[in-house]
Amino acid sequence: MIKKLSLALLTLFGMLAASLVFRAQTMPSLRTMTAVTIVEGDVKANVLPIRARAVVNHRIRPGETISSVLERVREVVDDDRVQVRVFGDWGANPFPVSDASGAPFQMLARTIMQIVPDDDVIVAPYVVPGGTDAKHYSGRSRHVFRFQQLIRNSDGL
């Protein structure tokens, strides 16, 4: 009985862990990701700071812009005393997503299938979060494809 319960729990938690990893990998393609990276205030726990500052990093999903994210942040903060602006030279709109139904992607898929002699290879469109070297090519071609290798286990996860 305990052996069966242990196996069931292991299977359940293994699936839960796989689900969380999958969610972490796919979330940037579904919504803009937000992470508070720097928070500054006073240096004492019992003193209210005169000024405070926070740096928030946004990984903007395709289809949104810096302007739309700034507008949403201002809407959420809803306080005219808080300045919301782009920090430094980090501001860049997401690069356009290349057409996965067109001939260039189909040629890329055929090439990968010819190079990798495995019937289990699936070539599929995917949004790669974060900066890649694609930023150097996006202004030169409409057909810039980022690459993300995902390896499935025997359960297909």
C-alpha atoms as a PDB file:
ATOM      1  CA  MET A   1       0.000   0.000   0.000  1.00  0.00           C
ATOM      2  CA  ILE A   2       2.717   2.495   0.971  1.00  0.00           C
ATOM      3  CA  LYS A   3       4.703   1.574  -2.134  1.00  0.00           C
ATOM      4  CA  LYS A   4       1.693   2.296  -4.373  1.00  0.00           C
ATOM      5  CA  LEU A   5       1.003   5.577  -2.569  1.00  0.00           C
ATOM      6  CA  SER A   6       4.660   6.626  -2.901  1.00  0.00           C
ATOM      7  CA  LEU A   7       4.618   5.838  -6.610  1.00  0.00           C
ATOM      8  CA  ALA A   8       1.356   7.750  -7.083  1.00  0.00           C
ATOM      9  CA  LEU A   9       2.736  10.789  -5.223  1.00  0.00           C
ATOM     10  CA  LEU A  10       5.988  10.654  -7.184  1.00  0.00           C
ATOM     11  CA  THR A  11       4.046  10.545 -10.452  1.00  0.00           C
ATOM     12  CA  LEU A  12       1.751  13.377  -9.328  1.00  0.00           C
ATOM     13  CA  PHE A  13       4.602  15.626  -8.176  1.00  0.00           C
ATOM     14  CA  GLY A  14       6.658  14.789 -11.262  1.00  0.00           C
ATOM     15  CA  MET A  15       3.747  15.913 -13.435  1.00  0.00           C
ATOM     16  CA  LEU A  16       3.297  19.027 -11.282  1.00  0.00           C
ATOM     17  CA  ALA A  17       6.990  19.904 -11.630  1.00  0.00           C
ATOM     18  CA  ALA A  18       6.842  19.337 -15.393  1.00  0.00           C
ATOM     19  CA  SER A  19       3.739  21.529 -15.566  1.00  0.00           C
ATOM     20  CA  LEU A  20       5.493  24.353 -13.684  1.00  0.00           C
ATOM     21  CA  VAL A  21       8.528  24.154 -15.976  1.00  0.00           C
ATOM     22  CA  PHE A  22       6.259  24.188 -19.041  1.00  0.00           C
ATOM     23  CA  ARG A  23       4.375  27.183 -17.650  1.00  0.00           C
ATOM     24  CA  ALA A  24       7.628  29.062 -16.979  1.00  0.00           C
ATOM     25  CA  GLN A  25       8.780  28.358 -20.533  1.00  0.00           C
ATOM     26  CA  THR A  26       5.515  29.340 -22.215  1.00  0.00           C
ATOM     27  CA  MET A  27       4.392  32.268 -20.045  1.00  0.00           C
ATOM     28  CA  PRO A  28       6.500  34.909 -21.866  1.00  0.00           C
ATOM     29  CA  SER A  29       4.640  34.151 -25.083  1.00  0.00           C
ATOM     30  CA  LEU A  30       1.287  34.648 -23.354  1.00  0.00           C
ATOM     31  CA  ARG A  31       1.866  37.845 -21.403  1.00  0.00           C
ATOM     32  CA  THR A  32       4.463  40.479 -20.626  1.00  0.00           C
ATOM     33  CA  MET A  33       6.635  39.284 -17.758  1.00  0.00           C
ATOM     34  CA  THR A  34       7.414  41.675 -14.889  1.00  0.00           C
ATOM     35  CA  ALA A  35      10.168  41.443 -12.280  1.00  0.00           C
ATOM     36  CA  VAL A  36      11.107  44.003  -9.633  1.00  0.00           C
ATOM     37  CA  THR A  37      14.907  44.036  -9.730  1.00  0.00           C
ATOM     38  CA  ILE A  38      15.938  47.014  -7.544  1.00  0.00           C
ATOM     39  CA  VAL A  39      14.144  48.622  -4.594  1.00  0.00           C
ATOM     40  CA  GLU A  40      15.665  51.513  -2.658  1.00  0.00           C
ATOM     41  CA  GLY A  41      14.321  53.476   0.303  1.00  0.00           C
ATOM     42  CA  ASP A  42      15.702  54.418   3.695  1.00  0.00           C
ATOM     43  CA  VAL A  43      18.463  52.496   5.458  1.00  0.00           C
ATOM     44  CA  LYS A  44      16.606  52.030   8.755  1.00  0.00           C
ATOM     45  CA  ALA A  45      13.597  49.842   9.391  1.00  0.00           C
ATOM     46  CA  ASN A  46      11.771  52.403  11.531  1.00  0.00           C
ATOM     47  CA  VAL A  47      12.188  55.462   9.248  1.00  0.00           C
ATOM     48  CA  LEU A  48       9.856  56.381   6.415  1.00  0.00           C
ATOM     49  CA  PRO A  49      11.951  57.309   3.386  1.00  0.00           C
ATOM     50  CA  ILE A  50      11.630  60.787   1.883  1.00  0.00           C
ATOM     51  CA  ARG A  51      12.261  59.252  -1.520  1.00  0.00           C
ATOM     52  CA  ALA A  52      11.979  55.709  -2.807  1.00  0.00           C
ATOM     53  CA  ARG A  53      12.946  54.127  -6.107  1.00  0.00           C
ATOM     54  CA  ALA A  54      12.221  50.840  -7.814  1.00  0.00           C
ATOM     55  CA  VAL A  55      13.480  49.392 -11.064  1.00  0.00           C
ATOM     56  CA  VAL A  56      11.075  46.986 -12.724  1.00  0.00           C
ATOM     57  CA  ASN A  57      12.141  44.828 -15.638  1.00  0.00           C
ATOM     58  CA  HIS A  58       9.557  43.942 -18.280  1.00  0.00           C
ATOM     59  CA  ARG A  59      10.000  41.253 -20.922  1.00  0.00           C
ATOM     60  CA  ILE A  60       7.483  42.588 -23.408  1.00  0.00           C
ATOM     61  CA  ARG A  61       5.570  39.981 -25.350  1.00  0.00           C
ATOM     62  CA  PRO A  62       5.109  40.386 -29.099  1.00  0.00           C
ATOM     63  CA  GLY A  63       2.065  42.499 -29.864  1.00  0.00           C
ATOM     64  CA  GLU A  64       2.724  44.954 -27.044  1.00  0.00           C
ATOM     65  CA  THR A  65       4.998  48.000 -27.011  1.00  0.00           C
ATOM     66  CA  ILE A  66       6.948  50.014 -24.480  1.00  0.00           C
ATOM     67  CA  SER A  67       4.177  52.613 -24.619  1.00  0.00           C
ATOM     68  CA  SER A  68       1.420  50.093 -23.896  1.00  0.00           C
ATOM     69  CA  VAL A  69       3.396  48.650 -20.954  1.00  0.00           C
ATOM     70  CA  LEU A  70       4.103  52.128 -19.531  1.00  0.00           C
ATOM     71  CA  GLU A  71       0.414  52.976 -19.846  1.00  0.00           C
ATOM     72  CA  ARG A  72      -0.573  49.773 -18.011  1.00  0.00           C
ATOM     73  CA  VAL A  73       1.983  50.389 -15.228  1.00  0.00           C
ATOM     74  CA  ARG A  74       0.710  53.949 -14.731  1.00  0.00           C
ATOM     75  CA  GLU A  75      -2.835  52.592 -14.592  1.00  0.00           C
ATOM     76  CA  VAL A  76      -1.886  49.990 -11.963  1.00  0.00           C
ATOM     77  CA  VAL A  77       0.204  52.427  -9.852  1.00  0.00           C
ATOM     78  CA  ASP A  78      -2.516  55.098 -10.096  1.00  0.00           C
ATOM     79  CA  ASP A  79      -0.513  57.740  -8.225  1.00  0.00           C
ATOM     80  CA  ASP A  80       0.578  61.014  -9.866  1.00  0.00           C
ATOM     81  CA  ARG A  81       3.447  61.334  -7.372  1.00  0.00           C
ATOM     82  CA  VAL A  82       5.111  58.249  -8.840  1.00  0.00           C
ATOM     83  CA  GLN A  83       7.213  58.808 -11.945  1.00  0.00           C
ATOM     84  CA  VAL A  84       7.066  55.919 -14.402  1.00  0.00           C
ATOM     85  CA  ARG A  85       9.619  56.043 -17.188  1.00  0.00           C
ATOM     86  CA  VAL A  86      12.007  53.961 -19.251  1.00  0.00           C
ATOM     87  CA  PHE A  87      15.264  53.457 -17.353  1.00  0.00           C
ATOM     88  CA  GLY A  88      18.493  54.177 -19.228  1.00  0.00           C
ATOM     89  CA  ASP A  89      18.843  52.871 -22.766  1.00  0.00           C
ATOM     90  CA  TRP A  90      17.144  49.564 -22.036  1.00  0.00           C
ATOM     91  CA  GLY A  91      13.964  50.428 -23.887  1.00  0.00           C
ATOM     92  CA  ALA A  92      13.323  48.330 -26.978  1.00  0.00           C
ATOM     93  CA  ASN A  93      10.040  47.184 -28.445  1.00  0.00           C
ATOM     94  CA  PRO A  94       9.753  43.484 -29.199  1.00  0.00           C
ATOM     95  CA  PHE A  95      10.954  42.524 -32.635  1.00  0.00           C
ATOM     96  CA  PRO A  96       8.280  41.394 -35.074  1.00  0.00           C
ATOM     97  CA  VAL A  97       7.394  37.718 -35.083  1.00  0.00           C
ATOM     98  CA  SER A  98       8.357  36.058 -38.354  1.00  0.00           C
ATOM     99  CA  ASP A  99       5.679  34.223 -40.319  1.00  0.00           C
ATOM    100  CA  ALA A 100       5.820  30.504 -39.506  1.00  0.00           C
ATOM    101  CA  SER A 101       3.492  29.590 -42.353  1.00  0.00           C
ATOM    102  CA  GLY A 102       5.705  31.086 -45.058  1.00  0.00           C
ATOM    103  CA  ALA A 103       8.304  29.494 -47.307  1.00  0.00           C
ATOM    104  CA  PRO A 104      11.383  30.577 -45.230  1.00  0.00           C
ATOM    105  CA  PHE A 105      10.138  28.803 -42.089  1.00  0.00           C
ATOM    106  CA  GLN A 106       9.122  25.736 -44.087  1.00  0.00           C
ATOM    107  CA  MET A 107      12.624  25.612 -45.620  1.00  0.00           C
ATOM    108  CA  LEU A 108      14.166  25.887 -42.133  1.00  0.00           C
ATOM    109  CA  ALA A 109      11.925  23.072 -40.874  1.00  0.00           C
ATOM    110  CA  ARG A 110      12.859  20.826 -43.833  1.00  0.00           C
ATOM    111  CA  THR A 111      16.557  21.529 -43.264  1.00  0.00           C
ATOM    112  CA  ILE A 112      16.334  20.621 -39.578  1.00  0.00           C
ATOM    113  CA  MET A 113      14.441  17.419 -40.412  1.00  0.00           C
ATOM    114  CA  GLN A 114      17.151  16.473 -42.927  1.00  0.00           C
ATOM    115  CA  ILE A 115      20.017  17.177 -40.519  1.00  0.00           C
ATOM    116  CA  VAL A 116      18.480  15.481 -37.466  1.00  0.00           C
ATOM    117  CA  PRO A 117      17.803  11.858 -38.380  1.00  0.00           C
ATOM    118  CA  ASP A 118      15.148  11.361 -35.719  1.00  0.00           C
ATOM    119  CA  ASP A 119      11.499  10.786 -36.554  1.00  0.00           C
ATOM    120  CA  ASP A 120      10.528  12.304 -33.209  1.00  0.00           C
ATOM    121  CA  VAL A 121      11.725  15.842 -34.043  1.00  0.00           C
ATOM    122  CA  ILE A 122       9.010  18.494 -34.155  1.00  0.00           C
ATOM    123  CA  VAL A 123       9.785  21.929 -35.572  1.00  0.00           C
ATOM    124  CA  ALA A 124       7.279  24.442 -34.258  1.00  0.00           C
ATOM    125  CA  PRO A 125       7.031  28.221 -33.782  1.00  0.00           C
ATOM    126  CA  TYR A 126       7.979  29.420 -30.309  1.00  0.00           C
ATOM    127  CA  VAL A 127       8.485  32.819 -28.672  1.00  0.00           C
ATOM    128  CA  VAL A 128      11.992  32.993 -27.215  1.00  0.00           C
ATOM    129  CA  PRO A 129      11.935  35.282 -24.162  1.00  0.00           C
ATOM    130  CA  GLY A 130      14.714  37.752 -23.566  1.00  0.00           C
ATOM    131  CA  GLY A 131      17.310  39.244 -25.834  1.00  0.00           C
ATOM    132  CA  THR A 132      19.021  37.171 -28.498  1.00  0.00           C
ATOM    133  CA  ASP A 133      21.380  37.951 -31.338  1.00  0.00           C
ATOM    134  CA  ALA A 134      18.253  38.224 -33.519  1.00  0.00           C
ATOM    135  CA  LYS A 135      18.209  41.923 -32.628  1.00  0.00           C
ATOM    136  CA  HIS A 136      21.107  42.396 -35.043  1.00  0.00           C
ATOM    137  CA  TYR A 137      19.187  40.851 -37.947  1.00  0.00           C
ATOM    138  CA  SER A 138      15.580  41.949 -37.415  1.00  0.00           C
ATOM    139  CA  GLY A 139      16.157  45.223 -39.245  1.00  0.00           C
ATOM    140  CA  ARG A 140      17.643  43.381 -42.216  1.00  0.00           C
ATOM    141  CA  SER A 141      15.014  40.712 -42.846  1.00  0.00           C
ATOM    142  CA  ARG A 142      11.403  39.894 -42.036  1.00  0.00           C
ATOM    143  CA  HIS A 143      12.435  36.244 -41.674  1.00  0.00           C
ATOM    144  CA  VAL A 144      14.471  36.024 -38.470  1.00  0.00           C
ATOM    145  CA  PHE A 145      13.837  32.819 -36.550  1.00  0.00           C
ATOM    146  CA  ARG A 146      15.041  32.267 -33.005  1.00  0.00           C
ATOM    147  CA  PHE A 147      15.870  28.747 -31.852  1.00  0.00           C
ATOM    148  CA  GLN A 148      14.882  26.919 -28.680  1.00  0.00           C
ATOM    149  CA  GLN A 149      15.604  23.239 -28.293  1.00  0.00           C
ATOM    150  CA  LEU A 150      13.201  21.425 -25.996  1.00  0.00           C
ATOM    151  CA  ILE A 151      13.739  17.788 -25.178  1.00  0.00           C
ATOM    152  CA  ARG A 152      10.696  15.725 -24.255  1.00  0.00           C
ATOM    153  CA  ASN A 153      10.919  12.870 -21.805  1.00  0.00           C
ATOM    154  CA  SER A 154       9.271   9.487 -22.291  1.00  0.00           C
ATOM    155  CA  ASP A 155       5.966  10.895 -20.934  1.00  0.00           C
ATOM    156  CA  GLY A 156       5.934  13.521 -23.692  1.00  0.00           C
ATOM    157  CA  LEU A 157       6.660  16.379 -21.263  1.00  0.00           C
END
